[in-house]
N, C-alpha and C. Protein backbone atom coordinates (compact mmCIF):
# COMPACT_ATOMS: atom_id res chain seq x y z
N MET A 1 49.70 -27.87 9.58
CA MET A 1 48.68 -26.86 9.42
C MET A 1 48.75 -26.31 8.00
N THR A 2 47.99 -25.28 7.77
CA THR A 2 47.96 -24.71 6.43
C THR A 2 48.75 -23.41 6.43
N GLU A 3 49.00 -22.96 5.25
CA GLU A 3 49.71 -21.69 5.07
C GLU A 3 48.74 -20.51 5.01
N ASP A 4 47.47 -20.77 5.21
CA ASP A 4 46.47 -19.72 5.14
C ASP A 4 46.64 -18.76 6.32
N ARG A 5 46.75 -17.51 6.03
CA ARG A 5 46.98 -16.51 7.07
C ARG A 5 45.68 -15.74 7.36
N PHE A 6 44.57 -16.45 7.31
CA PHE A 6 43.27 -15.82 7.49
C PHE A 6 43.14 -15.14 8.84
N PHE A 7 43.49 -15.87 9.90
CA PHE A 7 43.34 -15.31 11.25
C PHE A 7 44.27 -14.13 11.49
N GLU A 8 45.46 -14.18 10.92
CA GLU A 8 46.38 -13.05 11.06
C GLU A 8 45.82 -11.82 10.34
N ARG A 9 45.29 -12.03 9.15
CA ARG A 9 44.68 -10.91 8.43
C ARG A 9 43.45 -10.38 9.16
N LEU A 10 42.67 -11.29 9.74
CA LEU A 10 41.50 -10.88 10.50
C LEU A 10 41.90 -10.04 11.71
N ARG A 11 42.94 -10.45 12.43
CA ARG A 11 43.42 -9.67 13.57
C ARG A 11 43.93 -8.30 13.13
N ASP A 12 44.63 -8.26 12.03
CA ASP A 12 45.14 -6.98 11.53
C ASP A 12 43.99 -6.05 11.12
N ASP A 13 42.98 -6.61 10.48
CA ASP A 13 41.84 -5.80 10.07
C ASP A 13 41.02 -5.33 11.27
N ALA A 14 40.93 -6.17 12.28
CA ALA A 14 40.14 -5.82 13.46
C ALA A 14 40.88 -4.89 14.41
N ALA A 15 42.16 -4.74 14.23
CA ALA A 15 42.94 -3.88 15.14
C ALA A 15 42.46 -2.44 15.10
N GLN A 16 42.03 -1.97 13.95
CA GLN A 16 41.56 -0.59 13.85
C GLN A 16 40.19 -0.41 14.50
N LEU A 17 39.48 -1.50 14.76
CA LEU A 17 38.17 -1.40 15.39
C LEU A 17 38.22 -1.49 16.91
N ARG A 18 39.37 -1.84 17.45
CA ARG A 18 39.50 -1.95 18.91
C ARG A 18 39.43 -0.60 19.56
N TYR A 19 38.78 -0.58 20.73
CA TYR A 19 38.68 0.66 21.51
C TYR A 19 39.80 0.65 22.54
N GLN A 20 40.83 1.42 22.30
CA GLN A 20 41.96 1.50 23.21
C GLN A 20 42.31 2.96 23.47
N PRO A 21 41.62 3.58 24.44
CA PRO A 21 41.93 4.98 24.73
C PRO A 21 43.30 5.11 25.37
N GLN A 22 43.95 6.20 25.09
CA GLN A 22 45.30 6.43 25.61
C GLN A 22 45.28 7.02 27.02
N ASP A 23 44.17 7.59 27.41
CA ASP A 23 44.06 8.27 28.69
C ASP A 23 43.75 7.26 29.80
N ASP A 24 44.53 7.28 30.90
CA ASP A 24 44.30 6.37 32.02
C ASP A 24 42.97 6.66 32.72
N PHE A 25 42.56 7.90 32.72
CA PHE A 25 41.30 8.28 33.36
C PHE A 25 40.12 7.58 32.70
N VAL A 26 40.16 7.48 31.38
CA VAL A 26 39.08 6.80 30.65
C VAL A 26 39.05 5.33 31.02
N TRP A 27 40.20 4.69 31.12
CA TRP A 27 40.26 3.28 31.50
C TRP A 27 39.71 3.08 32.90
N THR A 28 40.03 4.01 33.81
CA THR A 28 39.55 3.90 35.19
C THR A 28 38.03 4.01 35.23
N ARG A 29 37.48 4.99 34.53
CA ARG A 29 36.02 5.14 34.51
C ARG A 29 35.34 3.96 33.86
N LEU A 30 35.93 3.46 32.77
CA LEU A 30 35.33 2.33 32.07
C LEU A 30 35.31 1.09 32.95
N SER A 31 36.40 0.80 33.60
CA SER A 31 36.45 -0.39 34.48
C SER A 31 35.53 -0.22 35.69
N ALA A 32 35.42 1.00 36.23
CA ALA A 32 34.53 1.24 37.36
C ALA A 32 33.07 1.05 36.95
N ARG A 33 32.73 1.50 35.77
CA ARG A 33 31.36 1.36 35.29
C ARG A 33 31.01 -0.11 35.07
N ILE A 34 31.95 -0.87 34.53
CA ILE A 34 31.71 -2.31 34.31
C ILE A 34 31.56 -3.01 35.64
N ARG A 35 32.45 -2.70 36.61
CA ARG A 35 32.36 -3.30 37.93
C ARG A 35 31.02 -2.99 38.60
N GLU A 36 30.57 -1.75 38.48
CA GLU A 36 29.30 -1.34 39.07
C GLU A 36 28.13 -2.12 38.48
N ARG A 37 28.12 -2.31 37.19
CA ARG A 37 27.02 -3.03 36.54
C ARG A 37 27.05 -4.52 36.87
N VAL A 38 28.24 -5.07 37.10
CA VAL A 38 28.34 -6.48 37.45
C VAL A 38 27.94 -6.70 38.90
N GLN A 39 28.36 -5.80 39.78
CA GLN A 39 28.08 -5.97 41.21
C GLN A 39 26.62 -5.68 41.55
N HIS A 40 25.98 -4.75 40.85
CA HIS A 40 24.61 -4.37 41.14
C HIS A 40 23.74 -4.55 39.89
N PRO A 41 23.32 -5.79 39.64
CA PRO A 41 22.46 -6.00 38.46
C PRO A 41 21.11 -5.31 38.67
N PRO A 42 20.43 -4.96 37.60
CA PRO A 42 19.14 -4.27 37.74
C PRO A 42 18.10 -5.17 38.38
N ASN A 43 17.23 -4.56 39.17
CA ASN A 43 16.15 -5.35 39.77
C ASN A 43 15.04 -5.52 38.74
N VAL A 44 13.98 -6.19 39.14
CA VAL A 44 12.92 -6.54 38.20
C VAL A 44 12.24 -5.29 37.65
N SER A 45 11.97 -4.30 38.51
CA SER A 45 11.28 -3.10 38.03
C SER A 45 12.14 -2.32 37.03
N GLN A 46 13.44 -2.26 37.26
CA GLN A 46 14.32 -1.58 36.31
C GLN A 46 14.37 -2.33 34.98
N MET A 47 14.42 -3.64 35.06
CA MET A 47 14.47 -4.44 33.83
C MET A 47 13.17 -4.29 33.04
N LEU A 48 12.03 -4.31 33.75
CA LEU A 48 10.75 -4.13 33.06
C LEU A 48 10.64 -2.73 32.46
N ALA A 49 11.16 -1.73 33.16
CA ALA A 49 11.12 -0.37 32.63
C ALA A 49 11.95 -0.26 31.36
N ARG A 50 13.08 -0.94 31.32
CA ARG A 50 13.92 -0.92 30.11
C ARG A 50 13.21 -1.56 28.93
N TRP A 51 12.41 -2.60 29.18
CA TRP A 51 11.70 -3.27 28.11
C TRP A 51 10.40 -2.55 27.77
N PHE A 52 9.76 -1.97 28.78
CA PHE A 52 8.45 -1.37 28.56
C PHE A 52 8.51 -0.10 27.73
N ARG A 53 9.50 0.71 27.93
CA ARG A 53 9.58 1.99 27.21
C ARG A 53 9.61 1.81 25.69
N PRO A 54 10.48 0.97 25.14
CA PRO A 54 10.45 0.81 23.67
C PRO A 54 9.16 0.16 23.17
N ILE A 55 8.61 -0.77 23.95
CA ILE A 55 7.37 -1.42 23.52
C ILE A 55 6.23 -0.41 23.55
N ALA A 56 6.18 0.41 24.60
CA ALA A 56 5.13 1.43 24.68
C ALA A 56 5.27 2.44 23.54
N ALA A 57 6.50 2.82 23.22
CA ALA A 57 6.71 3.75 22.11
C ALA A 57 6.25 3.13 20.79
N SER A 58 6.48 1.85 20.61
CA SER A 58 6.02 1.17 19.39
C SER A 58 4.50 1.16 19.31
N PHE A 59 3.84 0.88 20.43
CA PHE A 59 2.38 0.90 20.42
C PHE A 59 1.83 2.29 20.15
N VAL A 60 2.49 3.30 20.68
CA VAL A 60 2.05 4.67 20.42
C VAL A 60 2.18 4.99 18.94
N MET A 61 3.28 4.59 18.32
CA MET A 61 3.46 4.83 16.89
C MET A 61 2.40 4.08 16.08
N LEU A 62 2.08 2.85 16.48
CA LEU A 62 1.03 2.09 15.78
C LEU A 62 -0.33 2.78 15.94
N ALA A 63 -0.60 3.30 17.12
CA ALA A 63 -1.87 3.99 17.34
C ALA A 63 -1.96 5.25 16.48
N ILE A 64 -0.88 6.00 16.40
CA ILE A 64 -0.86 7.21 15.56
C ILE A 64 -1.08 6.84 14.09
N ALA A 65 -0.42 5.78 13.65
CA ALA A 65 -0.59 5.34 12.26
C ALA A 65 -2.03 4.87 12.01
N ALA A 66 -2.63 4.20 12.99
CA ALA A 66 -4.01 3.74 12.83
C ALA A 66 -4.97 4.91 12.75
N VAL A 67 -4.78 5.91 13.60
CA VAL A 67 -5.65 7.09 13.57
C VAL A 67 -5.52 7.82 12.24
N ALA A 68 -4.28 7.98 11.78
CA ALA A 68 -4.07 8.65 10.49
C ALA A 68 -4.70 7.86 9.35
N THR A 69 -4.58 6.55 9.39
CA THR A 69 -5.17 5.71 8.34
C THR A 69 -6.69 5.79 8.36
N LEU A 70 -7.28 5.75 9.57
CA LEU A 70 -8.74 5.85 9.64
C LEU A 70 -9.24 7.19 9.11
N GLY A 71 -8.53 8.26 9.41
CA GLY A 71 -8.92 9.56 8.86
C GLY A 71 -8.84 9.59 7.35
N TRP A 72 -7.79 8.99 6.83
CA TRP A 72 -7.62 8.96 5.37
C TRP A 72 -8.70 8.10 4.72
N VAL A 73 -9.01 6.96 5.32
CA VAL A 73 -10.03 6.06 4.77
C VAL A 73 -11.40 6.73 4.82
N ASP A 74 -11.70 7.42 5.92
CA ASP A 74 -12.99 8.11 6.01
C ASP A 74 -13.14 9.16 4.93
N ARG A 75 -12.08 9.91 4.67
CA ARG A 75 -12.15 10.93 3.61
C ARG A 75 -12.33 10.28 2.25
N ALA A 76 -11.61 9.20 2.00
CA ALA A 76 -11.73 8.50 0.71
C ALA A 76 -13.12 7.88 0.58
N HIS A 77 -13.65 7.38 1.68
CA HIS A 77 -14.97 6.75 1.66
C HIS A 77 -16.06 7.80 1.41
N GLU A 78 -15.92 9.00 1.96
CA GLU A 78 -16.90 10.05 1.73
C GLU A 78 -16.94 10.45 0.26
N SER A 79 -15.79 10.52 -0.39
CA SER A 79 -15.79 10.87 -1.80
C SER A 79 -16.44 9.77 -2.63
N THR A 80 -16.32 8.53 -2.19
CA THR A 80 -16.99 7.42 -2.88
C THR A 80 -18.50 7.55 -2.73
N TYR A 81 -18.94 7.96 -1.54
CA TYR A 81 -20.37 8.17 -1.35
C TYR A 81 -20.90 9.25 -2.28
N ALA A 82 -20.13 10.30 -2.48
CA ALA A 82 -20.57 11.37 -3.37
C ALA A 82 -20.73 10.83 -4.79
N ALA A 83 -19.80 10.01 -5.24
CA ALA A 83 -19.90 9.45 -6.58
C ALA A 83 -21.09 8.50 -6.68
N GLU A 84 -21.32 7.71 -5.64
CA GLU A 84 -22.45 6.79 -5.64
C GLU A 84 -23.77 7.55 -5.60
N ALA A 85 -23.82 8.64 -4.84
CA ALA A 85 -25.04 9.44 -4.76
C ALA A 85 -25.37 10.05 -6.11
N MET A 86 -24.35 10.51 -6.83
CA MET A 86 -24.59 11.09 -8.15
C MET A 86 -25.05 10.01 -9.12
N ALA A 87 -24.52 8.80 -8.98
CA ALA A 87 -24.89 7.73 -9.90
C ALA A 87 -26.27 7.16 -9.59
N SER A 88 -26.71 7.26 -8.34
CA SER A 88 -28.00 6.67 -7.99
C SER A 88 -29.19 7.51 -8.46
N HIS A 89 -28.98 8.79 -8.68
CA HIS A 89 -30.07 9.65 -9.18
C HIS A 89 -29.92 9.79 -10.70
N PRO A 90 -30.86 9.25 -11.42
CA PRO A 90 -30.74 9.33 -12.87
C PRO A 90 -30.92 10.77 -13.37
N VAL A 91 -30.19 11.08 -14.40
CA VAL A 91 -30.28 12.40 -15.03
C VAL A 91 -30.97 12.20 -16.38
N GLU A 92 -31.99 12.99 -16.60
CA GLU A 92 -32.71 12.87 -17.86
C GLU A 92 -32.48 14.12 -18.70
N ILE A 93 -32.12 13.89 -19.95
CA ILE A 93 -31.88 14.99 -20.88
C ILE A 93 -32.87 14.84 -22.03
N THR A 94 -33.52 15.94 -22.37
CA THR A 94 -34.47 15.93 -23.49
C THR A 94 -33.88 16.73 -24.64
N VAL A 95 -33.74 16.06 -25.77
CA VAL A 95 -33.22 16.71 -26.96
C VAL A 95 -34.19 16.42 -28.11
N ASP A 96 -34.76 17.47 -28.72
CA ASP A 96 -35.69 17.35 -29.85
C ASP A 96 -36.84 16.38 -29.53
N GLY A 97 -37.35 16.44 -28.32
CA GLY A 97 -38.47 15.60 -27.98
C GLY A 97 -38.10 14.21 -27.53
N ASP A 98 -36.87 13.83 -27.68
CA ASP A 98 -36.40 12.51 -27.21
C ASP A 98 -35.82 12.68 -25.80
N THR A 99 -36.16 11.77 -24.91
CA THR A 99 -35.66 11.82 -23.51
C THR A 99 -34.61 10.74 -23.34
N PHE A 100 -33.46 11.19 -22.90
CA PHE A 100 -32.34 10.27 -22.64
C PHE A 100 -32.08 10.22 -21.13
N SER A 101 -31.91 9.04 -20.59
CA SER A 101 -31.65 8.86 -19.17
C SER A 101 -30.18 8.48 -19.00
N LEU A 102 -29.48 9.23 -18.18
CA LEU A 102 -28.06 8.94 -17.91
C LEU A 102 -27.93 8.27 -16.56
N THR A 103 -27.69 6.97 -16.59
CA THR A 103 -27.44 6.19 -15.38
C THR A 103 -26.25 5.28 -15.69
N GLU A 104 -25.94 4.43 -14.76
CA GLU A 104 -24.79 3.56 -14.97
C GLU A 104 -24.96 2.68 -16.16
């Protein structure tokens, strides 16, 4: 084999990430919770509810963003109409008998 101690270093580095509570009560609750989830898997309605809630929340956020964007676009579009309305009506200025028309 090789002299590379990669796996030993990896185990040493990962040791601080292990969850090892010192209290026996915590171990008992943890093992009971795992046993409960293994013995009674969720039924179809529970599984769909777990998936539906985040998806529904995402759609709600998209709807809120769409409504906000439409409001912003409508306001920006109205100001464009005002500029177009001002540009569509020519303005005539008379100076010393000469008439100047201000259009695009």
